[in-house]
Amino acid sequence: MAFTITCPRCRGTGALDTLGLRDCPSCEGSQRITFEGEEHEYYVCKRCNGTGALDTLGLRSCSSCKGLGRIRETVPKAGLESRLSEFRLHPRILAAAGRLFEDGHYAQAVFEGCKTLNHMVQAKSGSKKDGTALMQSIFSPRNPVLLFNAMQSRTDEDEQQGMMFLFCGAILAIRNPRAHARIVDEEDRALEYLAFLSFLANRLDRV
């Protein structure tokens, strides 16, 4: 499996001078660095502070990171699983996205989590609608099918409408882009999305 990061020595510019006349020797002007092999985490090299060099002109490469600016260490599979467990994801979201996440398919994991949330709303409400039309018809404060509170005050109405917007947002901002375009999610961003989907799934369980 290949892992690609922005070249820390040239900071993604591909060059070591402002005019771009001299290619960065670390990434050879490609702006990115790819590693092959096991899962890795990347740490900023403490010796050169991530610059990849031991002088301000960048003429002498750091021997610790060999000019890369970062040092990588192998992460055992159990380490990835523990990251998921730290977030205490909803069981349905975890079942749909967990294996994909562990295998490094972060965008697909998020997409499957969104699909699962959509199915959960359909199952609980009995509606056959999909996406934002589903969320609006089920959670609208004007005629809600599923209630997040007693709906006895303006505050209750605001919460109901806010939750409807959150569910709609999960569809519009997270699911739909991954359904219609090639999205690349980093591990941390995918975890944030899955945690958000789990929050919504947990709220849904309590209505």
N, C-alpha and C. Protein backbone atom coordinates (compact mmCIF):
# COMPACT_ATOMS: atom_id res chain seq x y z
N MET A 1 0.84 -1.19 0.00
CA MET A 1 0.00 0.00 0.00
C MET A 1 0.88 1.24 0.00
N ALA A 2 0.55 2.24 -0.76
CA ALA A 2 1.35 3.45 -0.86
C ALA A 2 0.73 4.57 -0.05
N PHE A 3 1.56 5.38 0.58
CA PHE A 3 1.10 6.51 1.37
C PHE A 3 1.80 7.76 0.88
N THR A 4 1.05 8.78 0.56
CA THR A 4 1.61 9.99 -0.02
C THR A 4 1.38 11.17 0.92
N ILE A 5 2.43 11.95 1.14
CA ILE A 5 2.35 13.14 1.98
C ILE A 5 2.94 14.32 1.22
N THR A 6 2.53 15.52 1.61
CA THR A 6 3.15 16.72 1.05
C THR A 6 4.61 16.76 1.45
N CYS A 7 5.47 17.05 0.50
CA CYS A 7 6.90 17.10 0.79
C CYS A 7 7.16 18.17 1.85
N PRO A 8 7.68 17.79 3.03
CA PRO A 8 7.89 18.77 4.09
C PRO A 8 9.09 19.67 3.85
N ARG A 9 10.02 19.24 2.98
CA ARG A 9 11.21 20.06 2.77
C ARG A 9 10.89 21.31 1.94
N CYS A 10 10.10 21.13 0.88
CA CYS A 10 9.76 22.29 0.04
C CYS A 10 8.36 22.80 0.33
N ARG A 11 7.66 22.10 1.28
CA ARG A 11 6.31 22.49 1.69
C ARG A 11 5.33 22.50 0.52
N GLY A 12 5.51 21.54 -0.36
CA GLY A 12 4.56 21.37 -1.45
C GLY A 12 4.79 22.27 -2.64
N THR A 13 5.87 23.03 -2.64
CA THR A 13 6.12 23.91 -3.78
C THR A 13 6.85 23.20 -4.90
N GLY A 14 7.59 22.15 -4.57
CA GLY A 14 8.39 21.43 -5.55
C GLY A 14 9.72 22.09 -5.84
N ALA A 15 10.01 23.21 -5.18
CA ALA A 15 11.25 23.94 -5.44
C ALA A 15 11.86 24.43 -4.14
N LEU A 16 13.16 24.72 -4.19
CA LEU A 16 13.86 25.22 -3.02
C LEU A 16 14.24 26.69 -3.16
N ASP A 17 13.70 27.37 -4.16
CA ASP A 17 13.88 28.81 -4.25
C ASP A 17 12.56 29.43 -4.71
N THR A 18 12.37 30.67 -4.42
CA THR A 18 11.08 31.32 -4.68
C THR A 18 10.74 31.40 -6.15
N LEU A 19 11.74 31.33 -7.03
CA LEU A 19 11.47 31.41 -8.46
C LEU A 19 11.17 30.05 -9.07
N GLY A 20 11.35 29.00 -8.29
CA GLY A 20 11.06 27.66 -8.78
C GLY A 20 12.09 27.16 -9.79
N LEU A 21 13.32 27.70 -9.74
CA LEU A 21 14.34 27.33 -10.71
C LEU A 21 15.11 26.08 -10.29
N ARG A 22 15.06 25.75 -9.00
CA ARG A 22 15.82 24.59 -8.52
C ARG A 22 14.87 23.60 -7.86
N ASP A 23 14.75 22.39 -8.46
CA ASP A 23 13.84 21.38 -7.93
C ASP A 23 14.28 20.93 -6.55
N CYS A 24 13.29 20.67 -5.71
CA CYS A 24 13.56 20.11 -4.39
C CYS A 24 14.13 18.70 -4.56
N PRO A 25 15.28 18.39 -3.96
CA PRO A 25 15.86 17.05 -4.12
C PRO A 25 15.09 15.96 -3.40
N SER A 26 14.28 16.32 -2.43
CA SER A 26 13.53 15.31 -1.69
C SER A 26 12.38 14.75 -2.52
N CYS A 27 11.62 15.64 -3.17
CA CYS A 27 10.47 15.19 -3.96
C CYS A 27 10.73 15.28 -5.46
N GLU A 28 11.92 15.77 -5.84
CA GLU A 28 12.31 15.91 -7.24
C GLU A 28 11.30 16.76 -8.02
N GLY A 29 10.77 17.76 -7.34
CA GLY A 29 9.85 18.68 -8.00
C GLY A 29 8.42 18.21 -8.08
N SER A 30 8.12 17.02 -7.56
CA SER A 30 6.75 16.48 -7.68
C SER A 30 5.82 17.04 -6.61
N GLN A 31 6.36 17.66 -5.59
CA GLN A 31 5.63 18.27 -4.47
C GLN A 31 5.11 17.26 -3.46
N ARG A 32 5.17 15.97 -3.79
CA ARG A 32 4.65 14.94 -2.89
C ARG A 32 5.69 13.85 -2.70
N ILE A 33 5.60 13.12 -1.59
CA ILE A 33 6.48 12.00 -1.32
C ILE A 33 5.62 10.79 -1.05
N THR A 34 5.92 9.67 -1.71
CA THR A 34 5.15 8.44 -1.55
C THR A 34 6.02 7.37 -0.92
N PHE A 35 5.48 6.70 0.09
CA PHE A 35 6.16 5.59 0.73
C PHE A 35 5.41 4.30 0.42
N GLU A 36 6.12 3.21 0.21
CA GLU A 36 5.52 1.92 -0.03
C GLU A 36 5.67 1.06 1.21
N GLY A 37 4.70 0.18 1.45
CA GLY A 37 4.86 -0.79 2.53
C GLY A 37 3.75 -0.75 3.54
N GLU A 38 4.13 -0.96 4.82
CA GLU A 38 3.15 -1.08 5.89
C GLU A 38 2.55 0.28 6.23
N GLU A 39 1.53 0.22 7.09
CA GLU A 39 0.94 1.46 7.58
C GLU A 39 2.01 2.25 8.34
N HIS A 40 2.02 3.57 8.21
CA HIS A 40 2.98 4.39 8.92
C HIS A 40 2.31 5.63 9.49
N GLU A 41 2.86 6.13 10.56
CA GLU A 41 2.54 7.46 11.03
C GLU A 41 3.79 8.30 10.84
N TYR A 42 3.60 9.59 10.63
CA TYR A 42 4.72 10.45 10.32
C TYR A 42 4.88 11.49 11.42
N TYR A 43 6.11 11.63 11.88
CA TYR A 43 6.41 12.57 12.94
C TYR A 43 7.41 13.60 12.44
N VAL A 44 7.19 14.85 12.80
CA VAL A 44 8.15 15.89 12.41
C VAL A 44 9.50 15.58 13.05
N CYS A 45 10.54 15.62 12.24
CA CYS A 45 11.89 15.34 12.73
C CYS A 45 12.30 16.43 13.73
N LYS A 46 12.64 16.00 14.96
CA LYS A 46 12.98 16.97 15.99
C LYS A 46 14.34 17.61 15.76
N ARG A 47 15.21 16.92 15.02
CA ARG A 47 16.56 17.45 14.83
C ARG A 47 16.55 18.68 13.91
N CYS A 48 15.75 18.61 12.84
CA CYS A 48 15.73 19.73 11.89
C CYS A 48 14.43 20.52 11.95
N ASN A 49 13.53 20.14 12.90
CA ASN A 49 12.23 20.81 13.05
C ASN A 49 11.39 20.78 11.78
N GLY A 50 11.55 19.70 11.03
CA GLY A 50 10.71 19.52 9.84
C GLY A 50 11.19 20.24 8.61
N THR A 51 12.35 20.88 8.68
CA THR A 51 12.85 21.60 7.51
C THR A 51 13.58 20.68 6.55
N GLY A 52 14.10 19.57 7.05
CA GLY A 52 14.87 18.64 6.21
C GLY A 52 16.31 19.06 6.06
N ALA A 53 16.69 20.17 6.66
CA ALA A 53 18.05 20.68 6.51
C ALA A 53 18.59 21.15 7.85
N LEU A 54 19.92 21.21 7.94
CA LEU A 54 20.56 21.67 9.17
C LEU A 54 21.17 23.05 9.03
N ASP A 55 20.86 23.74 7.92
CA ASP A 55 21.27 25.14 7.79
C ASP A 55 20.14 25.91 7.14
N THR A 56 20.10 27.18 7.29
CA THR A 56 18.97 27.99 6.83
C THR A 56 18.83 28.01 5.31
N LEU A 57 19.94 27.72 4.60
CA LEU A 57 19.87 27.73 3.14
C LEU A 57 19.41 26.39 2.57
N GLY A 58 19.31 25.40 3.41
CA GLY A 58 18.87 24.09 2.94
C GLY A 58 19.92 23.35 2.13
N LEU A 59 21.19 23.70 2.32
CA LEU A 59 22.24 23.08 1.52
C LEU A 59 22.75 21.78 2.12
N ARG A 60 22.55 21.59 3.42
CA ARG A 60 23.04 20.38 4.09
C ARG A 60 21.86 19.60 4.67
N SER A 61 21.59 18.43 4.12
CA SER A 61 20.43 17.65 4.55
C SER A 61 20.61 17.11 5.96
N CYS A 62 19.48 17.04 6.66
CA CYS A 62 19.48 16.47 8.00
C CYS A 62 19.71 14.96 7.90
N SER A 63 20.65 14.46 8.68
CA SER A 63 20.98 13.03 8.59
C SER A 63 19.94 12.16 9.28
N SER A 64 19.16 12.74 10.18
CA SER A 64 18.15 11.94 10.90
C SER A 64 16.98 11.57 9.99
N CYS A 65 16.49 12.56 9.25
CA CYS A 65 15.34 12.30 8.38
C CYS A 65 15.74 12.24 6.91
N LYS A 66 17.06 12.39 6.64
CA LYS A 66 17.59 12.34 5.27
C LYS A 66 16.93 13.37 4.36
N GLY A 67 16.67 14.54 4.91
CA GLY A 67 16.15 15.63 4.11
C GLY A 67 14.64 15.63 3.92
N LEU A 68 13.93 14.66 4.52
CA LEU A 68 12.48 14.57 4.33
C LEU A 68 11.72 15.47 5.30
N GLY A 69 12.33 15.74 6.43
CA GLY A 69 11.64 16.58 7.41
C GLY A 69 10.74 15.81 8.34
N ARG A 70 10.46 14.56 7.99
CA ARG A 70 9.61 13.72 8.83
C ARG A 70 10.23 12.35 9.00
N ILE A 71 9.90 11.72 10.11
CA ILE A 71 10.36 10.37 10.40
C ILE A 71 9.13 9.49 10.52
N ARG A 72 9.14 8.34 9.89
CA ARG A 72 7.96 7.47 9.90
C ARG A 72 8.21 6.25 10.77
N GLU A 73 7.15 5.78 11.40
CA GLU A 73 7.19 4.59 12.22
C GLU A 73 6.01 3.71 11.87
N THR A 74 6.24 2.41 11.91
CA THR A 74 5.17 1.46 11.59
C THR A 74 4.11 1.47 12.67
N VAL A 75 2.86 1.49 12.26
CA VAL A 75 1.73 1.44 13.19
C VAL A 75 1.09 0.06 13.10
N PRO A 76 1.10 -0.73 14.16
CA PRO A 76 0.46 -2.04 14.10
C PRO A 76 -1.03 -1.91 13.87
N LYS A 77 -1.63 -2.92 13.29
CA LYS A 77 -3.06 -2.87 12.98
C LYS A 77 -3.89 -2.58 14.22
N ALA A 78 -3.46 -3.12 15.34
CA ALA A 78 -4.20 -2.89 16.58
C ALA A 78 -4.26 -1.41 16.91
N GLY A 79 -3.22 -0.67 16.50
CA GLY A 79 -3.21 0.76 16.74
C GLY A 79 -4.31 1.47 16.00
N LEU A 80 -4.58 1.04 14.76
CA LEU A 80 -5.67 1.64 13.99
C LEU A 80 -7.01 1.32 14.62
N GLU A 81 -7.17 0.07 15.07
CA GLU A 81 -8.43 -0.32 15.69
C GLU A 81 -8.67 0.48 16.96
N SER A 82 -7.57 0.76 17.71
CA SER A 82 -7.75 1.51 18.95
C SER A 82 -8.19 2.94 18.67
N ARG A 83 -7.78 3.50 17.54
CA ARG A 83 -8.22 4.86 17.19
C ARG A 83 -9.73 4.88 17.01
N LEU A 84 -10.28 3.85 16.38
CA LEU A 84 -11.73 3.78 16.23
C LEU A 84 -12.41 3.61 17.58
N SER A 85 -11.82 2.78 18.42
CA SER A 85 -12.45 2.51 19.72
C SER A 85 -12.43 3.75 20.61
N GLU A 86 -11.45 4.61 20.43
CA GLU A 86 -11.39 5.84 21.22
C GLU A 86 -12.61 6.73 20.99
N PHE A 87 -13.17 6.67 19.79
CA PHE A 87 -14.30 7.53 19.44
C PHE A 87 -15.64 6.90 19.83
N ARG A 88 -15.64 5.65 20.24
CA ARG A 88 -16.87 4.96 20.65
C ARG A 88 -17.98 5.17 19.61
N LEU A 89 -17.70 4.75 18.41
CA LEU A 89 -18.66 4.94 17.33
C LEU A 89 -19.93 4.14 17.57
N HIS A 90 -21.03 4.63 17.03
CA HIS A 90 -22.29 3.89 17.09
C HIS A 90 -22.09 2.52 16.44
N PRO A 91 -22.64 1.46 17.03
CA PRO A 91 -22.41 0.10 16.50
C PRO A 91 -22.75 -0.06 15.03
N ARG A 92 -23.82 0.58 14.57
CA ARG A 92 -24.20 0.45 13.16
C ARG A 92 -23.21 1.18 12.25
N ILE A 93 -22.75 2.35 12.68
CA ILE A 93 -21.76 3.10 11.90
C ILE A 93 -20.44 2.34 11.88
N LEU A 94 -20.05 1.80 13.02
CA LEU A 94 -18.81 1.03 13.10
C LEU A 94 -18.87 -0.21 12.21
N ALA A 95 -20.01 -0.90 12.22
CA ALA A 95 -20.15 -2.10 11.40
C ALA A 95 -20.04 -1.78 9.91
N ALA A 96 -20.56 -0.63 9.52
CA ALA A 96 -20.55 -0.26 8.10
C ALA A 96 -19.20 0.28 7.65
N ALA A 97 -18.51 0.99 8.56
CA ALA A 97 -17.31 1.71 8.14
C ALA A 97 -16.00 1.18 8.71
N GLY A 98 -16.07 0.38 9.76
CA GLY A 98 -14.87 -0.02 10.48
C GLY A 98 -13.81 -0.70 9.63
N ARG A 99 -14.19 -1.74 8.90
CA ARG A 99 -13.22 -2.49 8.11
C ARG A 99 -12.63 -1.63 7.01
N LEU A 100 -13.45 -0.85 6.36
CA LEU A 100 -12.96 0.04 5.30
C LEU A 100 -11.96 1.04 5.87
N PHE A 101 -12.25 1.57 7.05
CA PHE A 101 -11.35 2.53 7.67
C PHE A 101 -10.01 1.86 8.01
N GLU A 102 -10.07 0.67 8.59
CA GLU A 102 -8.84 -0.04 8.96
C GLU A 102 -7.99 -0.35 7.74
N ASP A 103 -8.63 -0.56 6.59
CA ASP A 103 -7.89 -0.88 5.37
C ASP A 103 -7.40 0.37 4.64
N GLY A 104 -7.69 1.55 5.21
CA GLY A 104 -7.21 2.78 4.62
C GLY A 104 -8.13 3.41 3.60
N HIS A 105 -9.35 2.86 3.44
CA HIS A 105 -10.31 3.42 2.48
C HIS A 105 -11.19 4.43 3.21
N TYR A 106 -10.63 5.56 3.54
CA TYR A 106 -11.29 6.50 4.44
C TYR A 106 -12.55 7.13 3.84
N ALA A 107 -12.47 7.58 2.60
CA ALA A 107 -13.64 8.21 1.98
C ALA A 107 -14.78 7.21 1.84
N GLN A 108 -14.45 5.98 1.45
CA GLN A 108 -15.49 4.96 1.30
C GLN A 108 -16.10 4.61 2.66
N ALA A 109 -15.28 4.60 3.69
CA ALA A 109 -15.79 4.34 5.04
C ALA A 109 -16.81 5.40 5.44
N VAL A 110 -16.47 6.66 5.17
CA VAL A 110 -17.39 7.76 5.50
C VAL A 110 -18.67 7.64 4.68
N PHE A 111 -18.53 7.31 3.41
CA PHE A 111 -19.71 7.17 2.54
C PHE A 111 -20.64 6.08 3.04
N GLU A 112 -20.07 4.93 3.42
CA GLU A 112 -20.90 3.84 3.93
C GLU A 112 -21.55 4.20 5.25
N GLY A 113 -20.86 4.99 6.07
CA GLY A 113 -21.46 5.46 7.31
C GLY A 113 -22.67 6.34 7.05
N CYS A 114 -22.56 7.20 6.04
CA CYS A 114 -23.68 8.06 5.67
C CYS A 114 -24.87 7.25 5.16
N LYS A 115 -24.60 6.25 4.34
CA LYS A 115 -25.66 5.39 3.82
C LYS A 115 -26.37 4.67 4.96
N THR A 116 -25.60 4.25 5.93
CA THR A 116 -26.19 3.56 7.08
C THR A 116 -27.10 4.48 7.88
N LEU A 117 -26.65 5.73 8.09
CA LEU A 117 -27.48 6.69 8.81
C LEU A 117 -28.79 6.92 8.05
N ASN A 118 -28.71 7.05 6.75
CA ASN A 118 -29.90 7.24 5.92
C ASN A 118 -30.86 6.06 6.08
N HIS A 119 -30.31 4.84 6.05
CA HIS A 119 -31.14 3.63 6.21
C HIS A 119 -31.77 3.58 7.59
N MET A 120 -31.04 4.02 8.60
CA MET A 120 -31.58 4.02 9.96
C MET A 120 -32.79 4.94 10.08
N VAL A 121 -32.72 6.11 9.45
CA VAL A 121 -33.85 7.04 9.49
C VAL A 121 -35.03 6.44 8.73
N GLN A 122 -34.78 5.83 7.59
CA GLN A 122 -35.85 5.18 6.83
C GLN A 122 -36.53 4.09 7.65
N ALA A 123 -35.72 3.26 8.31
CA ALA A 123 -36.26 2.15 9.08
C ALA A 123 -37.08 2.63 10.27
N LYS A 124 -36.60 3.66 10.95
CA LYS A 124 -37.30 4.12 12.15
C LYS A 124 -38.56 4.89 11.81
N SER A 125 -38.56 5.58 10.69
CA SER A 125 -39.72 6.39 10.31
C SER A 125 -40.71 5.66 9.42
N GLY A 126 -40.25 4.60 8.75
CA GLY A 126 -41.10 3.89 7.80
C GLY A 126 -41.20 4.59 6.46
N SER A 127 -40.41 5.62 6.26
CA SER A 127 -40.46 6.37 5.01
C SER A 127 -39.56 5.74 3.95
N LYS A 128 -39.97 5.85 2.70
CA LYS A 128 -39.17 5.35 1.59
C LYS A 128 -38.41 6.47 0.88
N LYS A 129 -38.56 7.69 1.40
CA LYS A 129 -37.81 8.80 0.82
C LYS A 129 -36.32 8.63 1.10
N ASP A 130 -35.52 9.45 0.44
CA ASP A 130 -34.07 9.32 0.57
C ASP A 130 -33.43 10.70 0.70
N GLY A 131 -32.27 10.73 1.34
CA GLY A 131 -31.46 11.95 1.38
C GLY A 131 -32.12 13.11 2.10
N THR A 132 -31.92 14.31 1.57
CA THR A 132 -32.44 15.51 2.23
C THR A 132 -33.97 15.53 2.26
N ALA A 133 -34.62 14.98 1.24
CA ALA A 133 -36.09 14.91 1.24
C ALA A 133 -36.57 14.07 2.42
N LEU A 134 -35.85 13.00 2.71
CA LEU A 134 -36.17 12.16 3.85
C LEU A 134 -36.01 12.93 5.15
N MET A 135 -34.86 13.56 5.33
CA MET A 135 -34.57 14.26 6.58
C MET A 135 -35.55 15.40 6.83
N GLN A 136 -35.87 16.14 5.79
CA GLN A 136 -36.79 17.27 5.95
C GLN A 136 -38.21 16.81 6.28
N SER A 137 -38.66 15.75 5.65
CA SER A 137 -40.03 15.28 5.90
C SER A 137 -40.17 14.62 7.27
N ILE A 138 -39.12 14.02 7.77
CA ILE A 138 -39.19 13.29 9.03
C ILE A 138 -38.94 14.19 10.24
N PHE A 139 -38.04 15.17 10.07
CA PHE A 139 -37.63 15.97 11.22
C PHE A 139 -38.12 17.42 11.20
N SER A 140 -38.83 17.83 10.17
CA SER A 140 -39.28 19.22 10.09
C SER A 140 -40.11 19.59 11.33
N PRO A 141 -39.82 20.71 11.96
CA PRO A 141 -40.59 21.11 13.15
C PRO A 141 -42.05 21.45 12.84
N ARG A 142 -42.37 21.64 11.58
CA ARG A 142 -43.75 21.96 11.21
C ARG A 142 -44.67 20.75 11.33
N ASN A 143 -44.19 19.60 10.95
CA ASN A 143 -45.00 18.38 11.04
C ASN A 143 -44.08 17.17 11.19
N PRO A 144 -43.37 17.08 12.32
CA PRO A 144 -42.34 16.05 12.48
C PRO A 144 -42.92 14.65 12.67
N VAL A 145 -42.26 13.68 12.10
CA VAL A 145 -42.60 12.27 12.32
C VAL A 145 -41.85 11.74 13.52
N LEU A 146 -40.59 12.15 13.64
CA LEU A 146 -39.76 11.76 14.78
C LEU A 146 -39.36 13.02 15.54
N LEU A 147 -39.54 12.98 16.86
CA LEU A 147 -39.30 14.15 17.70
C LEU A 147 -38.06 13.97 18.56
N PHE A 148 -37.27 15.03 18.69
CA PHE A 148 -36.10 15.01 19.56
C PHE A 148 -36.41 15.56 20.94
N ASN A 149 -37.61 16.11 21.12
CA ASN A 149 -38.03 16.65 22.40
C ASN A 149 -39.55 16.73 22.43
N ALA A 150 -40.10 17.37 23.46
CA ALA A 150 -41.56 17.43 23.63
C ALA A 150 -42.21 18.46 22.73
N MET A 151 -41.44 19.31 22.09
CA MET A 151 -41.96 20.34 21.19
C MET A 151 -43.02 21.21 21.89
N GLN A 152 -42.68 21.69 23.09
CA GLN A 152 -43.61 22.50 23.85
C GLN A 152 -43.17 23.96 24.00
N SER A 153 -42.05 24.29 23.40
CA SER A 153 -41.57 25.66 23.52
C SER A 153 -40.80 26.05 22.26
N ARG A 154 -40.48 27.33 22.15
CA ARG A 154 -39.70 27.80 21.00
C ARG A 154 -38.31 27.15 21.01
N THR A 155 -37.76 26.95 22.19
CA THR A 155 -36.46 26.28 22.30
C THR A 155 -36.53 24.87 21.74
N ASP A 156 -37.61 24.16 22.06
CA ASP A 156 -37.80 22.81 21.53
C ASP A 156 -37.87 22.83 20.00
N GLU A 157 -38.59 23.81 19.48
CA GLU A 157 -38.73 23.92 18.03
C GLU A 157 -37.37 24.21 17.36
N ASP A 158 -36.60 25.07 18.03
CA ASP A 158 -35.27 25.40 17.50
C ASP A 158 -34.37 24.16 17.48
N GLU A 159 -34.43 23.38 18.55
CA GLU A 159 -33.61 22.16 18.59
C GLU A 159 -34.05 21.19 17.50
N GLN A 160 -35.35 21.03 17.33
CA GLN A 160 -35.87 20.12 16.32
C GLN A 160 -35.39 20.54 14.92
N GLN A 161 -35.48 21.84 14.65
CA GLN A 161 -35.05 22.34 13.35
C GLN A 161 -33.54 22.21 13.18
N GLY A 162 -32.81 22.47 14.25
CA GLY A 162 -31.36 22.34 14.19
C GLY A 162 -30.93 20.92 13.91
N MET A 163 -31.57 19.96 14.53
CA MET A 163 -31.25 18.55 14.28
C MET A 163 -31.60 18.17 12.85
N MET A 164 -32.71 18.71 12.34
CA MET A 164 -33.05 18.45 10.93
C MET A 164 -31.94 18.96 10.01
N PHE A 165 -31.42 20.15 10.30
CA PHE A 165 -30.34 20.71 9.49
C PHE A 165 -29.08 19.86 9.59
N LEU A 166 -28.80 19.33 10.78
CA LEU A 166 -27.61 18.48 10.94
C LEU A 166 -27.73 17.20 10.12
N PHE A 167 -28.90 16.59 10.14
CA PHE A 167 -29.12 15.38 9.35
C PHE A 167 -29.04 15.70 7.86
N CYS A 168 -29.63 16.83 7.47
CA CYS A 168 -29.54 17.24 6.06
C CYS A 168 -28.09 17.52 5.68
N GLY A 169 -27.35 18.13 6.60
CA GLY A 169 -25.95 18.43 6.33
C GLY A 169 -25.12 17.18 6.13
N ALA A 170 -25.44 16.12 6.88
CA ALA A 170 -24.72 14.87 6.70
C ALA A 170 -24.89 14.33 5.29
N ILE A 171 -26.06 14.58 4.72
CA ILE A 171 -26.33 14.12 3.35
C ILE A 171 -25.69 15.06 2.33
N LEU A 172 -25.95 16.35 2.47
CA LEU A 172 -25.50 17.32 1.47
C LEU A 172 -23.98 17.51 1.48
N ALA A 173 -23.40 17.62 2.67
CA ALA A 173 -21.99 17.97 2.76
C ALA A 173 -21.06 16.77 2.84
N ILE A 174 -21.58 15.61 3.25
CA ILE A 174 -20.69 14.46 3.45
C ILE A 174 -21.02 13.32 2.48
N ARG A 175 -22.28 12.87 2.45
CA ARG A 175 -22.61 11.73 1.59
C ARG A 175 -22.55 12.07 0.10
N ASN A 176 -23.27 13.11 -0.30
CA ASN A 176 -23.41 13.39 -1.73
C ASN A 176 -22.09 13.65 -2.46
N PRO A 177 -21.16 14.43 -1.89
CA PRO A 177 -19.90 14.61 -2.60
C PRO A 177 -19.16 13.30 -2.85
N ARG A 178 -19.23 12.36 -1.92
CA ARG A 178 -18.54 11.07 -2.07
C ARG A 178 -19.30 10.12 -2.99
N ALA A 179 -20.56 10.44 -3.24
CA ALA A 179 -21.34 9.63 -4.17
C ALA A 179 -21.14 10.07 -5.61
N HIS A 180 -20.77 11.34 -5.81
CA HIS A 180 -20.72 11.88 -7.17
C HIS A 180 -19.34 12.32 -7.63
N ALA A 181 -18.35 12.25 -6.75
CA ALA A 181 -17.00 12.68 -7.13
C ALA A 181 -15.97 11.85 -6.38
N ARG A 182 -14.75 11.90 -6.87
CA ARG A 182 -13.66 11.19 -6.22
C ARG A 182 -13.11 12.06 -5.09
N ILE A 183 -13.44 11.71 -3.87
CA ILE A 183 -13.02 12.47 -2.70
C ILE A 183 -11.90 11.71 -1.98
N VAL A 184 -10.90 12.43 -1.56
CA VAL A 184 -9.81 11.84 -0.78
C VAL A 184 -9.90 12.38 0.64
N ASP A 185 -10.13 11.49 1.61
CA ASP A 185 -10.20 11.87 3.01
C ASP A 185 -8.95 11.41 3.74
N GLU A 186 -8.37 12.29 4.54
CA GLU A 186 -7.29 11.89 5.42
C GLU A 186 -7.88 11.15 6.61
N GLU A 187 -7.03 10.40 7.31
CA GLU A 187 -7.51 9.58 8.42
C GLU A 187 -8.22 10.40 9.50
N ASP A 188 -7.61 11.51 9.91
CA ASP A 188 -8.21 12.32 10.98
C ASP A 188 -9.55 12.90 10.56
N ARG A 189 -9.64 13.37 9.31
CA ARG A 189 -10.90 13.94 8.84
C ARG A 189 -11.99 12.86 8.79
N ALA A 190 -11.62 11.67 8.35
CA ALA A 190 -12.59 10.57 8.30
C ALA A 190 -13.10 10.23 9.70
N LEU A 191 -12.20 10.24 10.68
CA LEU A 191 -12.62 9.98 12.06
C LEU A 191 -13.61 11.04 12.55
N GLU A 192 -13.34 12.28 12.19
CA GLU A 192 -14.26 13.36 12.58
C GLU A 192 -15.64 13.16 11.97
N TYR A 193 -15.67 12.80 10.70
CA TYR A 193 -16.96 12.57 10.04
C TYR A 193 -17.69 11.38 10.68
N LEU A 194 -16.97 10.30 10.94
CA LEU A 194 -17.60 9.11 11.52
C LEU A 194 -18.12 9.41 12.93
N ALA A 195 -17.38 10.23 13.67
CA ALA A 195 -17.85 10.61 15.01
C ALA A 195 -19.12 11.44 14.91
N PHE A 196 -19.18 12.33 13.93
CA PHE A 196 -20.38 13.15 13.72
C PHE A 196 -21.57 12.27 13.33
N LEU A 197 -21.35 11.32 12.43
CA LEU A 197 -22.43 10.41 12.03
C LEU A 197 -22.89 9.57 13.21
N SER A 198 -21.96 9.19 14.07
CA SER A 198 -22.32 8.41 15.26
C SER A 198 -23.14 9.23 16.23
N PHE A 199 -22.80 10.51 16.36
CA PHE A 199 -23.60 11.40 17.20
C PHE A 199 -25.04 11.43 16.72
N LEU A 200 -25.23 11.57 15.40
CA LEU A 200 -26.59 11.61 14.85
C LEU A 200 -27.29 10.27 15.04
N ALA A 201 -26.57 9.19 14.84
CA ALA A 201 -27.17 7.86 15.02
C ALA A 201 -27.59 7.64 16.46
N ASN A 202 -26.79 8.10 17.41
CA ASN A 202 -27.14 7.96 18.82
C ASN A 202 -28.36 8.80 19.17
N ARG A 203 -28.44 10.00 18.63
CA ARG A 203 -29.63 10.83 18.87
C ARG A 203 -30.87 10.18 18.28
N LEU A 204 -30.71 9.59 17.11
CA LEU A 204 -31.83 8.91 16.45
C LEU A 204 -32.33 7.75 17.31
N ASP A 205 -31.43 7.03 17.95
CA ASP A 205 -31.82 5.90 18.79
C ASP A 205 -32.68 6.34 19.95
N ARG A 206 -32.52 7.58 20.37
CA ARG A 206 -33.24 8.05 21.57
C ARG A 206 -34.57 8.72 21.26
N VAL A 207 -34.95 8.82 19.99
CA VAL A 207 -36.24 9.44 19.68
C VAL A 207 -37.34 8.39 19.61
